[in-house]
């Protein structure tokens, strides 16, 4: 019997997952909560299923890391940008299903990941493979290489003048890059740009673990 932690901030969907899991032979609900922060270290489970939305208010990668410290994680999402498979994979997810995956795929994901395996639902296989094997210089959000470099420095907390010095550009050029980045990512401020840089996997591990507020 595999004990499952259900993490979803939508009550109706969470209740549906609870019932579905409880009615499935070999699975049981260990805990059902709105967020990863509601699970303490004393809560025992074999696998977690976490619903992520691209515009979730709490840092989604941090939620995966927190759950992953206790048990392997299956992530469910619509997989709309800016959320990417690569960033979620690096955060520690072991299973990937979509918000529209059928029940058998969810069961297969929980059983496979709960027993130490890795799973991608059939409806995501093509997209997953395409993103993972994509040339590393290509950006899933459509950023040009120099824009990616600018975003990385912004996420590290550098001013536009400092970025210009490091990249050998004028400050006006960096300002232009920053405006393009904000437009492409639909970001309103530096904190949001930092969060999106984390989601897109453009920052190193130290910033991923301790993202800007």
C-alpha atoms as a PDB file:
ATOM      1  CA  UNK A   1       0.000   0.000   0.000  1.00  0.00           C
ATOM      2  CA  UNK A   2       1.467   3.365  -1.063  1.00  0.00           C
ATOM      3  CA  UNK A   3       0.661   6.384   1.096  1.00  0.00           C
ATOM      4  CA  UNK A   4       0.051   9.509  -1.016  1.00  0.00           C
ATOM      5  CA  UNK A   5       0.263  13.164   0.012  1.00  0.00           C
ATOM      6  CA  UNK A   6      -2.078  15.341  -2.063  1.00  0.00           C
ATOM      7  CA  UNK A   7      -0.995  18.984  -2.397  1.00  0.00           C
ATOM      8  CA  UNK A   8      -3.389  21.255  -4.283  1.00  0.00           C
ATOM      9  CA  UNK A   9      -4.696  24.702  -3.357  1.00  0.00           C
ATOM     10  CA  UNK A  10      -7.980  24.149  -5.225  1.00  0.00           C
ATOM     11  CA  UNK A  11     -10.405  22.487  -2.775  1.00  0.00           C
ATOM     12  CA  UNK A  12     -12.694  20.868  -5.345  1.00  0.00           C
ATOM     13  CA  UNK A  13      -9.855  19.346  -7.364  1.00  0.00           C
ATOM     14  CA  UNK A  14      -8.102  18.241  -4.165  1.00  0.00           C
ATOM     15  CA  UNK A  15     -11.268  16.530  -2.941  1.00  0.00           C
ATOM     16  CA  UNK A  16     -11.587  14.728  -6.266  1.00  0.00           C
ATOM     17  CA  UNK A  17      -8.007  13.470  -6.083  1.00  0.00           C
ATOM     18  CA  UNK A  18      -8.554  12.313  -2.498  1.00  0.00           C
ATOM     19  CA  UNK A  19     -11.565  10.222  -3.509  1.00  0.00           C
ATOM     20  CA  UNK A  20      -9.887   8.876  -6.627  1.00  0.00           C
ATOM     21  CA  UNK A  21      -6.799   7.773  -4.692  1.00  0.00           C
ATOM     22  CA  UNK A  22      -8.839   6.319  -1.820  1.00  0.00           C
ATOM     23  CA  UNK A  23     -10.882   4.263  -4.303  1.00  0.00           C
ATOM     24  CA  UNK A  24      -7.766   2.879  -6.032  1.00  0.00           C
ATOM     25  CA  UNK A  25      -6.450  -0.484  -4.857  1.00  0.00           C
ATOM     26  CA  UNK A  26      -2.903  -0.185  -3.548  1.00  0.00           C
ATOM     27  CA  UNK A  27      -3.112   3.543  -2.807  1.00  0.00           C
ATOM     28  CA  UNK A  28      -4.238   5.509   0.241  1.00  0.00           C
ATOM     29  CA  UNK A  29      -4.295   9.191   1.170  1.00  0.00           C
ATOM     30  CA  UNK A  30      -1.749   9.950   3.888  1.00  0.00           C
ATOM     31  CA  UNK A  31      -2.500  13.684   3.998  1.00  0.00           C
ATOM     32  CA  UNK A  32      -4.317  16.221   1.844  1.00  0.00           C
ATOM     33  CA  UNK A  33      -3.278  19.873   2.087  1.00  0.00           C
ATOM     34  CA  UNK A  34      -3.412  23.148   0.165  1.00  0.00           C
ATOM     35  CA  UNK A  35       0.340  23.778   0.171  1.00  0.00           C
ATOM     36  CA  UNK A  36       3.678  22.070   0.778  1.00  0.00           C
ATOM     37  CA  UNK A  37       4.185  24.255   3.844  1.00  0.00           C
ATOM     38  CA  UNK A  38       1.198  22.547   5.484  1.00  0.00           C
ATOM     39  CA  UNK A  39       3.083  19.244   5.641  1.00  0.00           C
ATOM     40  CA  UNK A  40       5.447  18.839   8.575  1.00  0.00           C
ATOM     41  CA  UNK A  41       8.366  16.446   8.805  1.00  0.00           C
ATOM     42  CA  UNK A  42       6.302  14.098  10.960  1.00  0.00           C
ATOM     43  CA  UNK A  43       3.860  13.438   8.113  1.00  0.00           C
ATOM     44  CA  UNK A  44       4.804  10.119   6.560  1.00  0.00           C
ATOM     45  CA  UNK A  45       4.066   9.379   2.901  1.00  0.00           C
ATOM     46  CA  UNK A  46       5.584   7.338   0.071  1.00  0.00           C
ATOM     47  CA  UNK A  47       4.852   9.702  -2.808  1.00  0.00           C
ATOM     48  CA  UNK A  48       3.361  13.191  -3.243  1.00  0.00           C
ATOM     49  CA  UNK A  49       1.284  14.616  -6.057  1.00  0.00           C
ATOM     50  CA  UNK A  50       1.666  18.383  -6.327  1.00  0.00           C
ATOM     51  CA  UNK A  51      -0.439  20.628  -8.529  1.00  0.00           C
ATOM     52  CA  UNK A  52       1.466  23.605  -9.938  1.00  0.00           C
ATOM     53  CA  UNK A  53       0.123  26.603 -11.783  1.00  0.00           C
ATOM     54  CA  UNK A  54       2.506  28.876 -13.699  1.00  0.00           C
ATOM     55  CA  UNK A  55       1.291  31.954 -11.824  1.00  0.00           C
ATOM     56  CA  UNK A  56       1.121  30.349  -8.356  1.00  0.00           C
ATOM     57  CA  UNK A  57       1.858  32.819  -5.569  1.00  0.00           C
ATOM     58  CA  UNK A  58       4.392  30.658  -3.737  1.00  0.00           C
ATOM     59  CA  UNK A  59       7.691  29.582  -5.364  1.00  0.00           C
ATOM     60  CA  UNK A  60       6.793  26.351  -7.116  1.00  0.00           C
ATOM     61  CA  UNK A  61      10.334  24.981  -7.270  1.00  0.00           C
ATOM     62  CA  UNK A  62      10.752  25.462  -3.532  1.00  0.00           C
ATOM     63  CA  UNK A  63       7.557  23.440  -2.988  1.00  0.00           C
ATOM     64  CA  UNK A  64       8.960  20.564  -5.052  1.00  0.00           C
ATOM     65  CA  UNK A  65      12.245  20.646  -3.139  1.00  0.00           C
ATOM     66  CA  UNK A  66      10.454  20.654   0.218  1.00  0.00           C
ATOM     67  CA  UNK A  67       8.291  17.672  -0.672  1.00  0.00           C
ATOM     68  CA  UNK A  68      11.172  15.886  -2.384  1.00  0.00           C
ATOM     69  CA  UNK A  69      13.156  15.957   0.842  1.00  0.00           C
ATOM     70  CA  UNK A  70      10.514  13.632   2.308  1.00  0.00           C
ATOM     71  CA  UNK A  71       9.443  11.477  -0.655  1.00  0.00           C
ATOM     72  CA  UNK A  72       9.459  11.458  -4.477  1.00  0.00           C
ATOM     73  CA  UNK A  73       7.126  13.938  -6.182  1.00  0.00           C
ATOM     74  CA  UNK A  74       4.706  13.721  -9.095  1.00  0.00           C
ATOM     75  CA  UNK A  75       3.947  17.154 -10.548  1.00  0.00           C
ATOM     76  CA  UNK A  76       0.634  17.936 -12.211  1.00  0.00           C
ATOM     77  CA  UNK A  77       0.269  21.122 -14.256  1.00  0.00           C
ATOM     78  CA  UNK A  78      -1.145  22.597 -17.439  1.00  0.00           C
ATOM     79  CA  UNK A  79       2.533  23.124 -18.395  1.00  0.00           C
ATOM     80  CA  UNK A  80       1.882  26.594 -19.753  1.00  0.00           C
ATOM     81  CA  UNK A  81       4.831  28.973 -19.903  1.00  0.00           C
ATOM     82  CA  UNK A  82       6.846  30.093 -18.023  1.00  0.00           C
ATOM     83  CA  UNK A  83       6.815  26.743 -16.187  1.00  0.00           C
ATOM     84  CA  UNK A  84       9.194  24.311 -17.911  1.00  0.00           C
ATOM     85  CA  UNK A  85       9.902  20.610 -17.602  1.00  0.00           C
ATOM     86  CA  UNK A  86      13.619  21.277 -17.238  1.00  0.00           C
ATOM     87  CA  UNK A  87      13.255  23.597 -14.251  1.00  0.00           C
ATOM     88  CA  UNK A  88      10.822  21.224 -12.518  1.00  0.00           C
ATOM     89  CA  UNK A  89      13.091  18.265 -13.224  1.00  0.00           C
ATOM     90  CA  UNK A  90      16.090  20.080 -11.727  1.00  0.00           C
ATOM     91  CA  UNK A  91      14.008  20.888  -8.650  1.00  0.00           C
ATOM     92  CA  UNK A  92      13.643  17.162  -8.038  1.00  0.00           C
ATOM     93  CA  UNK A  93      10.350  16.015  -9.592  1.00  0.00           C
ATOM     94  CA  UNK A  94      10.234  12.340 -10.581  1.00  0.00           C
ATOM     95  CA  UNK A  95       6.851  12.237 -12.300  1.00  0.00           C
ATOM     96  CA  UNK A  96       5.004  14.470 -14.767  1.00  0.00           C
ATOM     97  CA  UNK A  97       1.275  14.439 -15.533  1.00  0.00           C
ATOM     98  CA  UNK A  98      -0.942  17.121 -17.019  1.00  0.00           C
ATOM     99  CA  UNK A  99      -4.051  18.687 -15.538  1.00  0.00           C
ATOM    100  CA  UNK A 100      -5.976  16.735 -18.200  1.00  0.00           C
ATOM    101  CA  UNK A 101      -4.329  13.328 -17.748  1.00  0.00           C
ATOM    102  CA  UNK A 102      -6.711  10.401 -17.393  1.00  0.00           C
ATOM    103  CA  UNK A 103      -7.027   8.433 -14.165  1.00  0.00           C
ATOM    104  CA  UNK A 104      -4.902   5.471 -15.329  1.00  0.00           C
ATOM    105  CA  UNK A 105      -1.986   7.831 -16.029  1.00  0.00           C
ATOM    106  CA  UNK A 106      -2.225   9.343 -12.557  1.00  0.00           C
ATOM    107  CA  UNK A 107      -2.295   5.890 -10.971  1.00  0.00           C
ATOM    108  CA  UNK A 108       0.667   4.773 -13.092  1.00  0.00           C
ATOM    109  CA  UNK A 109       2.596   7.906 -12.111  1.00  0.00           C
ATOM    110  CA  UNK A 110       1.968   7.460  -8.384  1.00  0.00           C
ATOM    111  CA  UNK A 111       2.789   3.758  -8.437  1.00  0.00           C
ATOM    112  CA  UNK A 112       5.893   4.114 -10.615  1.00  0.00           C
ATOM    113  CA  UNK A 113       7.332   7.094  -8.740  1.00  0.00           C
ATOM    114  CA  UNK A 114       6.295   5.722  -5.348  1.00  0.00           C
ATOM    115  CA  UNK A 115       8.326   2.602  -6.069  1.00  0.00           C
ATOM    116  CA  UNK A 116      11.404   4.570  -7.099  1.00  0.00           C
ATOM    117  CA  UNK A 117      10.832   5.011 -10.818  1.00  0.00           C
ATOM    118  CA  UNK A 118      10.389   7.931 -13.215  1.00  0.00           C
ATOM    119  CA  UNK A 119       7.204   8.658 -15.153  1.00  0.00           C
ATOM    120  CA  UNK A 120       5.942  10.968 -17.897  1.00  0.00           C
ATOM    121  CA  UNK A 121       2.275  10.639 -18.887  1.00  0.00           C
ATOM    122  CA  UNK A 122       1.587   9.695 -22.530  1.00  0.00           C
ATOM    123  CA  UNK A 123      -0.059  13.050 -23.263  1.00  0.00           C
ATOM    124  CA  UNK A 124       3.156  14.849 -22.257  1.00  0.00           C
ATOM    125  CA  UNK A 125       5.779  12.517 -23.728  1.00  0.00           C
ATOM    126  CA  UNK A 126       6.281  14.370 -27.004  1.00  0.00           C
ATOM    127  CA  UNK A 127       6.483  17.818 -25.381  1.00  0.00           C
ATOM    128  CA  UNK A 128       8.734  16.541 -22.609  1.00  0.00           C
ATOM    129  CA  UNK A 129      11.197  14.951 -25.020  1.00  0.00           C
ATOM    130  CA  UNK A 130      11.164  18.000 -27.299  1.00  0.00           C
ATOM    131  CA  UNK A 131      11.993  20.369 -24.455  1.00  0.00           C
ATOM    132  CA  UNK A 132      14.618  18.196 -22.800  1.00  0.00           C
ATOM    133  CA  UNK A 133      16.559  17.549 -26.016  1.00  0.00           C
ATOM    134  CA  UNK A 134      16.217  21.122 -27.288  1.00  0.00           C
ATOM    135  CA  UNK A 135      19.475  22.933 -27.909  1.00  0.00           C
ATOM    136  CA  UNK A 136      20.604  24.459 -24.632  1.00  0.00           C
ATOM    137  CA  UNK A 137      21.027  27.849 -26.321  1.00  0.00           C
ATOM    138  CA  UNK A 138      17.332  27.985 -27.125  1.00  0.00           C
ATOM    139  CA  UNK A 139      15.074  29.527 -24.523  1.00  0.00           C
ATOM    140  CA  UNK A 140      11.501  28.198 -24.040  1.00  0.00           C
ATOM    141  CA  UNK A 141      10.222  31.725 -23.356  1.00  0.00           C
ATOM    142  CA  UNK A 142      11.645  33.050 -26.625  1.00  0.00           C
ATOM    143  CA  UNK A 143      14.476  35.089 -25.108  1.00  0.00           C
ATOM    144  CA  UNK A 144      17.525  35.818 -27.271  1.00  0.00           C
ATOM    145  CA  UNK A 145      20.931  34.690 -25.885  1.00  0.00           C
ATOM    146  CA  UNK A 146      21.881  38.228 -24.783  1.00  0.00           C
ATOM    147  CA  UNK A 147      18.491  38.629 -23.133  1.00  0.00           C
ATOM    148  CA  UNK A 148      19.031  35.372 -21.240  1.00  0.00           C
ATOM    149  CA  UNK A 149      22.426  36.641 -20.084  1.00  0.00           C
ATOM    150  CA  UNK A 150      20.863  39.928 -18.973  1.00  0.00           C
ATOM    151  CA  UNK A 151      18.117  38.090 -17.098  1.00  0.00           C
ATOM    152  CA  UNK A 152      20.712  36.000 -15.256  1.00  0.00           C
ATOM    153  CA  UNK A 153      22.510  39.128 -14.039  1.00  0.00           C
ATOM    154  CA  UNK A 154      19.231  40.760 -13.019  1.00  0.00           C
ATOM    155  CA  UNK A 155      18.386  37.664 -10.981  1.00  0.00           C
ATOM    156  CA  UNK A 156      21.739  37.989  -9.231  1.00  0.00           C
ATOM    157  CA  UNK A 157      20.774  41.486  -8.101  1.00  0.00           C
ATOM    158  CA  UNK A 158      23.029  43.583 -10.354  1.00  0.00           C
ATOM    159  CA  UNK A 159      21.978  47.056 -11.449  1.00  0.00           C
ATOM    160  CA  UNK A 160      21.659  47.887 -15.121  1.00  0.00           C
ATOM    161  CA  UNK A 161      24.895  49.877 -14.950  1.00  0.00           C
ATOM    162  CA  UNK A 162      26.740  46.912 -13.425  1.00  0.00           C
ATOM    163  CA  UNK A 163      25.286  44.562 -16.041  1.00  0.00           C
ATOM    164  CA  UNK A 164      26.394  46.917 -18.813  1.00  0.00           C
ATOM    165  CA  UNK A 165      29.954  46.829 -17.469  1.00  0.00           C
ATOM    166  CA  UNK A 166      30.042  43.040 -17.291  1.00  0.00           C
ATOM    167  CA  UNK A 167      28.533  42.530 -20.738  1.00  0.00           C
ATOM    168  CA  UNK A 168      30.505  45.299 -22.461  1.00  0.00           C
ATOM    169  CA  UNK A 169      27.352  47.178 -23.429  1.00  0.00           C
ATOM    170  CA  UNK A 170      25.930  50.633 -22.847  1.00  0.00           C
ATOM    171  CA  UNK A 171      23.420  51.051 -20.041  1.00  0.00           C
ATOM    172  CA  UNK A 172      20.854  52.127 -22.637  1.00  0.00           C
ATOM    173  CA  UNK A 173      21.253  48.771 -24.410  1.00  0.00           C
ATOM    174  CA  UNK A 174      20.782  46.880 -21.148  1.00  0.00           C
ATOM    175  CA  UNK A 175      17.664  48.973 -20.460  1.00  0.00           C
ATOM    176  CA  UNK A 176      16.341  47.920 -23.861  1.00  0.00           C
ATOM    177  CA  UNK A 177      17.074  44.246 -23.152  1.00  0.00           C
ATOM    178  CA  UNK A 178      15.333  44.531 -19.767  1.00  0.00           C
ATOM    179  CA  UNK A 179      12.226  46.047 -21.371  1.00  0.00           C
ATOM    180  CA  UNK A 180      12.108  43.251 -23.955  1.00  0.00           C
ATOM    181  CA  UNK A 181      12.513  40.615 -21.243  1.00  0.00           C
ATOM    182  CA  UNK A 182       9.701  42.099 -19.146  1.00  0.00           C
ATOM    183  CA  UNK A 183       7.439  42.190 -22.207  1.00  0.00           C
ATOM    184  CA  UNK A 184       8.206  38.589 -23.237  1.00  0.00           C
ATOM    185  CA  UNK A 185       7.798  37.238 -19.697  1.00  0.00           C
ATOM    186  CA  UNK A 186       4.950  39.572 -18.755  1.00  0.00           C
ATOM    187  CA  UNK A 187       6.871  40.615 -15.630  1.00  0.00           C
ATOM    188  CA  UNK A 188       6.284  43.899 -13.833  1.00  0.00           C
ATOM    189  CA  UNK A 189       9.279  44.219 -11.515  1.00  0.00           C
ATOM    190  CA  UNK A 190      12.715  42.857 -10.636  1.00  0.00           C
ATOM    191  CA  UNK A 191      11.385  40.421  -8.024  1.00  0.00           C
ATOM    192  CA  UNK A 192       9.067  38.868 -10.585  1.00  0.00           C
ATOM    193  CA  UNK A 193      11.870  38.677 -13.136  1.00  0.00           C
ATOM    194  CA  UNK A 194      13.991  36.841 -10.564  1.00  0.00           C
ATOM    195  CA  UNK A 195      11.192  34.357  -9.893  1.00  0.00           C
ATOM    196  CA  UNK A 196      10.738  33.714 -13.608  1.00  0.00           C
ATOM    197  CA  UNK A 197      14.490  33.301 -14.101  1.00  0.00           C
ATOM    198  CA  UNK A 198      14.327  30.596 -11.439  1.00  0.00           C
ATOM    199  CA  UNK A 199      11.307  28.937 -13.071  1.00  0.00           C
ATOM    200  CA  UNK A 200      13.062  28.909 -16.445  1.00  0.00           C
ATOM    201  CA  UNK A 201      16.227  27.402 -14.981  1.00  0.00           C
ATOM    202  CA  UNK A 202      18.460  30.373 -15.827  1.00  0.00           C
ATOM    203  CA  UNK A 203      20.033  30.765 -12.386  1.00  0.00           C
ATOM    204  CA  UNK A 204      22.468  28.562 -10.410  1.00  0.00           C
ATOM    205  CA  UNK A 205      21.502  26.278  -7.553  1.00  0.00           C
ATOM    206  CA  UNK A 206      22.173  28.785  -4.770  1.00  0.00           C
ATOM    207  CA  UNK A 207      19.656  31.296  -6.134  1.00  0.00           C
ATOM    208  CA  UNK A 208      17.149  28.524  -6.894  1.00  0.00           C
ATOM    209  CA  UNK A 209      17.182  27.472  -3.269  1.00  0.00           C
ATOM    210  CA  UNK A 210      17.003  30.993  -1.936  1.00  0.00           C
ATOM    211  CA  UNK A 211      14.951  33.008  -4.446  1.00  0.00           C
ATOM    212  CA  UNK A 212      14.287  36.696  -4.021  1.00  0.00           C
ATOM    213  CA  UNK A 213      11.055  37.600  -2.257  1.00  0.00           C
END
